[in-house]
Amino acid sequence: MKAGPGGAMTDEVGVITGELTVTTSLLPDGRAGIAIQYTDADEWYTLTGSPVPVPPEGLTVLHAQVQERVRRGRGSEAPSRP
């Protein structure tokens, strides 16, 4: 997917832009880890704000929310939950 203007914020290298790949995975503690990379690159980065609680709607819904945020750009981060 292509990140929107302003890209996505990572813990390791700050904002990344361009064609990106996002993964959302269930961690052993029940939260979701969100990783992002330049498409076809070897390095993965932590999307700022990750890990996050999995919403009641599930991991698939969370992944879709993350993708939408990245498409919007603006230094997007993981969705926060109360």
N, C-alpha and C. Protein backbone atom coordinates (compact mmCIF):
# COMPACT_ATOMS: atom_id res chain seq x y z
N MET A 1 0.84 -1.17 0.00
CA MET A 1 0.00 0.00 0.00
C MET A 1 0.88 1.23 0.00
N LYS A 2 0.36 2.30 -0.50
CA LYS A 2 1.11 3.56 -0.52
C LYS A 2 0.68 4.40 0.68
N ALA A 3 1.68 4.84 1.44
CA ALA A 3 1.40 5.71 2.58
C ALA A 3 0.97 7.07 2.08
N GLY A 4 0.06 7.68 2.80
CA GLY A 4 -0.39 9.03 2.47
C GLY A 4 0.68 10.05 2.81
N PRO A 5 0.44 11.31 2.44
CA PRO A 5 1.41 12.37 2.72
C PRO A 5 1.76 12.41 4.21
N GLY A 6 3.03 12.42 4.50
CA GLY A 6 3.49 12.43 5.89
C GLY A 6 3.80 11.05 6.42
N GLY A 7 3.45 10.00 5.67
CA GLY A 7 3.85 8.64 5.98
C GLY A 7 3.38 8.09 7.32
N ALA A 8 4.14 7.11 7.81
CA ALA A 8 3.84 6.42 9.06
C ALA A 8 5.02 6.57 10.01
N MET A 9 4.74 6.74 11.29
CA MET A 9 5.77 6.95 12.30
C MET A 9 6.22 5.61 12.88
N THR A 10 7.54 5.42 12.93
CA THR A 10 8.10 4.21 13.53
C THR A 10 8.95 4.58 14.74
N ASP A 11 9.10 3.60 15.64
CA ASP A 11 9.93 3.84 16.82
C ASP A 11 11.41 3.93 16.46
N GLU A 12 11.83 3.15 15.47
CA GLU A 12 13.25 3.01 15.18
C GLU A 12 13.82 4.11 14.29
N VAL A 13 13.10 4.52 13.26
CA VAL A 13 13.68 5.44 12.28
C VAL A 13 12.81 6.67 11.99
N GLY A 14 11.77 6.89 12.78
CA GLY A 14 10.89 8.02 12.53
C GLY A 14 9.93 7.72 11.40
N VAL A 15 9.62 8.73 10.61
CA VAL A 15 8.62 8.60 9.55
C VAL A 15 9.18 7.85 8.35
N ILE A 16 8.37 6.91 7.83
CA ILE A 16 8.69 6.27 6.57
C ILE A 16 7.55 6.53 5.60
N THR A 17 7.87 6.62 4.32
CA THR A 17 6.89 6.96 3.30
C THR A 17 7.02 6.02 2.11
N GLY A 18 6.10 6.14 1.18
CA GLY A 18 6.18 5.36 -0.05
C GLY A 18 5.36 4.09 0.04
N GLU A 19 5.80 3.05 -0.70
CA GLU A 19 5.12 1.76 -0.72
C GLU A 19 5.52 0.98 0.53
N LEU A 20 4.53 0.67 1.37
CA LEU A 20 4.80 0.03 2.65
C LEU A 20 3.98 -1.25 2.80
N THR A 21 4.49 -2.15 3.62
CA THR A 21 3.79 -3.37 3.99
C THR A 21 3.60 -3.34 5.49
N VAL A 22 2.40 -3.71 5.95
CA VAL A 22 2.06 -3.70 7.37
C VAL A 22 1.65 -5.10 7.80
N THR A 23 2.12 -5.52 8.98
CA THR A 23 1.63 -6.76 9.57
C THR A 23 1.09 -6.47 10.96
N THR A 24 0.05 -7.19 11.30
CA THR A 24 -0.56 -7.09 12.63
C THR A 24 -0.63 -8.50 13.17
N SER A 25 0.01 -8.75 14.31
CA SER A 25 0.06 -10.11 14.83
C SER A 25 -0.28 -10.16 16.31
N LEU A 26 -0.87 -11.26 16.71
CA LEU A 26 -1.24 -11.46 18.10
C LEU A 26 0.00 -11.84 18.90
N LEU A 27 0.24 -11.12 19.98
CA LEU A 27 1.38 -11.39 20.85
C LEU A 27 0.97 -12.35 21.97
N PRO A 28 1.94 -12.99 22.62
CA PRO A 28 1.61 -13.93 23.70
C PRO A 28 0.81 -13.30 24.84
N ASP A 29 0.96 -12.00 25.06
CA ASP A 29 0.22 -11.34 26.15
C ASP A 29 -1.19 -10.93 25.75
N GLY A 30 -1.61 -11.26 24.51
CA GLY A 30 -2.97 -10.94 24.06
C GLY A 30 -3.10 -9.62 23.34
N ARG A 31 -2.05 -8.80 23.34
CA ARG A 31 -2.08 -7.56 22.59
C ARG A 31 -1.66 -7.82 21.15
N ALA A 32 -1.79 -6.79 20.32
CA ALA A 32 -1.40 -6.90 18.91
C ALA A 32 -0.14 -6.10 18.67
N GLY A 33 0.82 -6.73 18.00
CA GLY A 33 2.03 -6.05 17.58
C GLY A 33 1.87 -5.61 16.13
N ILE A 34 2.27 -4.40 15.84
CA ILE A 34 2.14 -3.87 14.48
C ILE A 34 3.53 -3.51 13.96
N ALA A 35 3.90 -4.14 12.85
CA ALA A 35 5.20 -3.89 12.23
C ALA A 35 4.97 -3.36 10.82
N ILE A 36 5.93 -2.58 10.35
CA ILE A 36 5.80 -1.95 9.04
C ILE A 36 7.17 -1.94 8.36
N GLN A 37 7.18 -2.04 7.06
CA GLN A 37 8.43 -2.03 6.31
C GLN A 37 8.21 -1.38 4.95
N TYR A 38 9.31 -0.94 4.35
CA TYR A 38 9.26 -0.58 2.94
C TYR A 38 8.98 -1.88 2.20
N THR A 39 8.04 -1.90 1.29
CA THR A 39 7.68 -3.12 0.58
C THR A 39 8.92 -3.75 -0.04
N ASP A 40 9.08 -5.05 0.20
CA ASP A 40 10.18 -5.87 -0.30
C ASP A 40 11.53 -5.61 0.38
N ALA A 41 11.56 -4.81 1.43
CA ALA A 41 12.80 -4.60 2.18
C ALA A 41 12.96 -5.72 3.20
N ASP A 42 14.14 -5.83 3.78
CA ASP A 42 14.39 -6.84 4.80
C ASP A 42 14.04 -6.34 6.21
N GLU A 43 14.19 -5.06 6.45
CA GLU A 43 14.02 -4.50 7.78
C GLU A 43 12.54 -4.23 8.09
N TRP A 44 12.15 -4.60 9.30
CA TRP A 44 10.82 -4.29 9.81
C TRP A 44 10.97 -3.29 10.94
N TYR A 45 10.00 -2.40 11.09
CA TYR A 45 10.01 -1.39 12.14
C TYR A 45 8.71 -1.49 12.93
N THR A 46 8.76 -1.03 14.17
CA THR A 46 7.58 -1.00 15.01
C THR A 46 6.79 0.28 14.72
N LEU A 47 5.51 0.13 14.39
CA LEU A 47 4.67 1.31 14.22
C LEU A 47 4.49 1.94 15.59
N THR A 48 4.78 3.23 15.70
CA THR A 48 4.70 3.92 16.98
C THR A 48 3.32 3.71 17.61
N GLY A 49 3.32 3.38 18.89
CA GLY A 49 2.09 3.10 19.62
C GLY A 49 1.83 1.61 19.79
N SER A 50 2.55 0.78 19.03
CA SER A 50 2.41 -0.67 19.14
C SER A 50 3.27 -1.16 20.29
N PRO A 51 2.82 -2.19 21.00
CA PRO A 51 1.61 -2.99 20.81
C PRO A 51 0.38 -2.31 21.38
N VAL A 52 -0.78 -2.80 20.90
CA VAL A 52 -2.06 -2.24 21.33
C VAL A 52 -3.00 -3.38 21.71
N PRO A 53 -4.02 -3.08 22.53
CA PRO A 53 -5.03 -4.10 22.82
C PRO A 53 -5.79 -4.47 21.54
N VAL A 54 -6.18 -5.72 21.45
CA VAL A 54 -7.00 -6.16 20.33
C VAL A 54 -8.45 -5.73 20.62
N PRO A 55 -9.09 -5.04 19.68
CA PRO A 55 -10.47 -4.60 19.92
C PRO A 55 -11.42 -5.81 19.96
N PRO A 56 -12.60 -5.63 20.52
CA PRO A 56 -13.57 -6.72 20.57
C PRO A 56 -13.89 -7.29 19.18
N GLU A 57 -13.77 -6.45 18.15
CA GLU A 57 -14.09 -6.88 16.78
C GLU A 57 -13.02 -7.81 16.21
N GLY A 58 -11.83 -7.85 16.84
CA GLY A 58 -10.80 -8.78 16.43
C GLY A 58 -9.61 -8.17 15.70
N LEU A 59 -8.65 -9.03 15.45
CA LEU A 59 -7.39 -8.64 14.83
C LEU A 59 -7.56 -8.16 13.39
N THR A 60 -8.48 -8.76 12.65
CA THR A 60 -8.70 -8.36 11.26
C THR A 60 -9.19 -6.93 11.18
N VAL A 61 -10.08 -6.55 12.08
CA VAL A 61 -10.60 -5.18 12.10
C VAL A 61 -9.48 -4.21 12.49
N LEU A 62 -8.68 -4.59 13.47
CA LEU A 62 -7.55 -3.74 13.86
C LEU A 62 -6.60 -3.54 12.69
N HIS A 63 -6.29 -4.61 11.96
CA HIS A 63 -5.39 -4.50 10.81
C HIS A 63 -5.95 -3.53 9.77
N ALA A 64 -7.24 -3.62 9.50
CA ALA A 64 -7.88 -2.71 8.54
C ALA A 64 -7.78 -1.26 9.02
N GLN A 65 -7.95 -1.05 10.33
CA GLN A 65 -7.82 0.31 10.88
C GLN A 65 -6.41 0.85 10.70
N VAL A 66 -5.42 0.00 10.93
CA VAL A 66 -4.03 0.41 10.77
C VAL A 66 -3.75 0.75 9.31
N GLN A 67 -4.21 -0.09 8.39
CA GLN A 67 -4.00 0.19 6.98
C GLN A 67 -4.62 1.52 6.57
N GLU A 68 -5.81 1.79 7.05
CA GLU A 68 -6.47 3.07 6.72
C GLU A 68 -5.66 4.25 7.25
N ARG A 69 -5.13 4.13 8.45
CA ARG A 69 -4.30 5.20 9.02
C ARG A 69 -3.06 5.44 8.16
N VAL A 70 -2.41 4.36 7.75
CA VAL A 70 -1.20 4.49 6.93
C VAL A 70 -1.54 5.13 5.58
N ARG A 71 -2.65 4.74 5.00
CA ARG A 71 -3.06 5.35 3.72
C ARG A 71 -3.31 6.84 3.86
N ARG A 72 -3.79 7.27 5.02
CA ARG A 72 -4.01 8.70 5.26
C ARG A 72 -2.70 9.44 5.48
N GLY A 73 -1.71 8.73 6.05
CA GLY A 73 -0.42 9.36 6.31
C GLY A 73 -0.42 10.21 7.56
N ARG A 74 0.16 11.42 7.45
CA ARG A 74 0.23 12.37 8.56
C ARG A 74 0.99 11.82 9.76
N GLY A 75 2.04 11.04 9.50
CA GLY A 75 2.81 10.47 10.62
C GLY A 75 1.98 9.49 11.42
N SER A 76 1.17 8.70 10.72
CA SER A 76 0.22 7.81 11.38
C SER A 76 0.90 6.89 12.39
N GLU A 77 0.15 6.59 13.44
CA GLU A 77 0.59 5.71 14.51
C GLU A 77 -0.48 4.64 14.73
N ALA A 78 -0.17 3.69 15.59
CA ALA A 78 -1.13 2.65 15.94
C ALA A 78 -2.34 3.27 16.61
N PRO A 79 -3.53 2.70 16.39
CA PRO A 79 -4.72 3.23 17.06
C PRO A 79 -4.59 3.06 18.57
N SER A 80 -4.94 4.08 19.32
CA SER A 80 -4.89 3.96 20.78
C SER A 80 -6.25 3.54 21.30
N ARG A 81 -6.22 2.79 22.36
CA ARG A 81 -7.45 2.31 22.99
C ARG A 81 -7.42 2.71 24.46
N PRO A 82 -8.55 3.10 25.00
CA PRO A 82 -8.56 3.43 26.44
C PRO A 82 -8.30 2.22 27.30
